[in-house]
Amino acid sequence: MTTAEIIHDKSKLTVLLYGEIDHHGAQSIRTEIDSRILKYMPKLVIMDFSGVTFMDSSGIGLVLARSRFCTDCGASLYVENVDRQMSKILSLAGIKTIQNTTN
């Protein structure tokens, strides 16, 4: 089961992801993230994968689609606390990964 804690702070939205990200989990999280982006219109969205215990290709799709959605809404997307393999895949797709976020 996938859960997310979404924190809005001024012009930043932080999405803390927990559990397993598979097809079903990615769908529900996508809807929740998108609705918060539309509600708050942040300039920066950070997806933190530190609480994720398993992820299949649906997780990559989740990030790629959120990147396009953020761009359409005028926001930048950064991803943090991903494993090395996912970081490489995201980098090839043009998604910026970070290890530590500074405010």
Protein backbone atom coordinates (compact mmCIF):
# COMPACT_ATOMS: atom_id res chain seq x y z
CA MET A 1 0.00 0.00 0.00
CA THR A 2 1.24 3.45 -0.91
CA THR A 3 0.61 6.51 1.21
CA ALA A 4 1.78 10.08 0.94
CA GLU A 5 2.12 12.97 3.32
CA ILE A 6 1.91 16.24 1.42
CA ILE A 7 3.26 19.36 3.07
CA HIS A 8 2.60 22.83 1.69
CA ASP A 9 5.03 25.54 2.76
CA LYS A 10 4.76 28.91 1.00
CA SER A 11 5.69 28.21 -2.63
CA LYS A 12 6.92 24.64 -2.04
CA LEU A 13 5.03 21.36 -1.95
CA THR A 14 6.83 18.36 -0.42
CA VAL A 15 5.47 14.88 -1.08
CA LEU A 16 6.74 12.25 1.37
CA LEU A 17 6.03 8.83 -0.10
CA TYR A 18 5.70 5.65 1.96
CA GLY A 19 5.23 1.96 1.22
CA GLU A 20 5.14 0.15 -2.10
CA ILE A 21 4.59 2.04 -5.34
CA ASP A 22 2.94 -0.24 -7.87
CA HIS A 23 0.22 0.34 -10.45
CA HIS A 24 -2.61 0.75 -7.94
CA GLY A 25 -0.63 2.84 -5.49
CA ALA A 26 0.67 5.15 -8.19
CA GLN A 27 -2.84 5.91 -9.43
CA SER A 28 -4.18 7.06 -6.07
CA ILE A 29 -1.06 9.07 -5.21
CA ARG A 30 -1.10 10.75 -8.63
CA THR A 31 -4.61 12.09 -8.06
CA GLU A 32 -3.73 13.36 -4.60
CA ILE A 33 -0.52 15.09 -5.74
CA ASP A 34 -2.16 16.69 -8.77
CA SER A 35 -5.04 18.08 -6.74
CA ARG A 36 -2.62 19.69 -4.27
CA ILE A 37 -0.54 21.18 -7.09
CA LEU A 38 -3.67 22.72 -8.57
CA LYS A 39 -4.84 23.96 -5.16
CA TYR A 40 -1.58 25.62 -4.07
CA MET A 41 0.18 26.30 -7.41
CA PRO A 42 3.66 25.92 -5.89
CA LYS A 43 6.84 26.98 -7.68
CA LEU A 44 8.67 23.89 -6.40
CA VAL A 45 7.50 20.31 -5.89
CA ILE A 46 9.77 17.83 -4.12
CA MET A 47 9.01 14.11 -4.15
CA ASP A 48 10.83 12.30 -1.33
CA PHE A 49 11.18 8.54 -1.79
CA SER A 50 12.91 7.83 1.55
CA GLY A 51 9.91 5.90 2.88
CA VAL A 52 9.41 3.76 -0.24
CA THR A 53 10.09 0.06 0.32
CA PHE A 54 9.35 -1.17 -3.23
CA MET A 55 8.77 0.45 -6.58
CA ASP A 56 8.17 -0.92 -10.05
CA SER A 57 8.03 0.98 -13.34
CA SER A 58 4.81 2.66 -12.16
CA GLY A 59 6.96 4.78 -9.85
CA ILE A 60 9.02 6.04 -12.78
CA GLY A 61 5.79 6.78 -14.66
CA LEU A 62 4.45 8.62 -11.62
CA VAL A 63 7.49 10.89 -11.54
CA LEU A 64 7.61 11.49 -15.30
CA ALA A 65 3.93 12.41 -15.47
CA ARG A 66 4.21 14.69 -12.42
CA SER A 67 7.18 16.41 -14.08
CA ARG A 68 5.07 17.23 -17.15
CA PHE A 69 2.16 18.31 -14.93
CA CYS A 70 4.44 20.57 -12.87
CA THR A 71 5.87 22.14 -16.01
CA ASP A 72 2.34 22.82 -17.29
CA CYS A 73 1.54 24.49 -13.93
CA GLY A 74 4.73 26.59 -13.85
CA ALA A 75 6.49 24.54 -11.18
CA SER A 76 9.82 22.71 -11.00
CA LEU A 77 9.97 19.10 -9.84
CA TYR A 78 12.86 17.62 -7.89
CA VAL A 79 13.15 14.07 -6.60
CA GLU A 80 15.16 13.06 -3.56
CA ASN A 81 16.19 9.94 -1.69
CA VAL A 82 15.98 7.58 -4.66
CA ASP A 83 18.32 4.68 -5.25
CA ARG A 84 21.17 4.98 -7.72
CA GLN A 85 19.44 3.10 -10.53
CA MET A 86 16.29 5.21 -10.35
CA SER A 87 18.41 8.36 -10.19
CA LYS A 88 20.13 7.39 -13.44
CA ILE A 89 16.82 6.69 -15.19
CA LEU A 90 15.34 9.98 -14.03
CA SER A 91 18.46 11.87 -15.07
CA LEU A 92 18.21 10.42 -18.58
CA ALA A 93 14.59 11.59 -18.67
CA GLY A 94 15.64 15.10 -17.64
CA ILE A 95 14.33 14.91 -14.05
CA LYS A 96 16.62 16.47 -11.47
CA THR A 97 17.41 14.36 -8.45
CA ILE A 98 18.77 15.72 -5.21
CA GLN A 99 20.04 14.05 -2.09
CA ASN A 100 19.53 16.87 0.40
CA THR A 101 17.09 19.74 0.18
CA THR A 102 18.00 23.13 1.55
CA ASN A 103 15.28 25.70 2.16
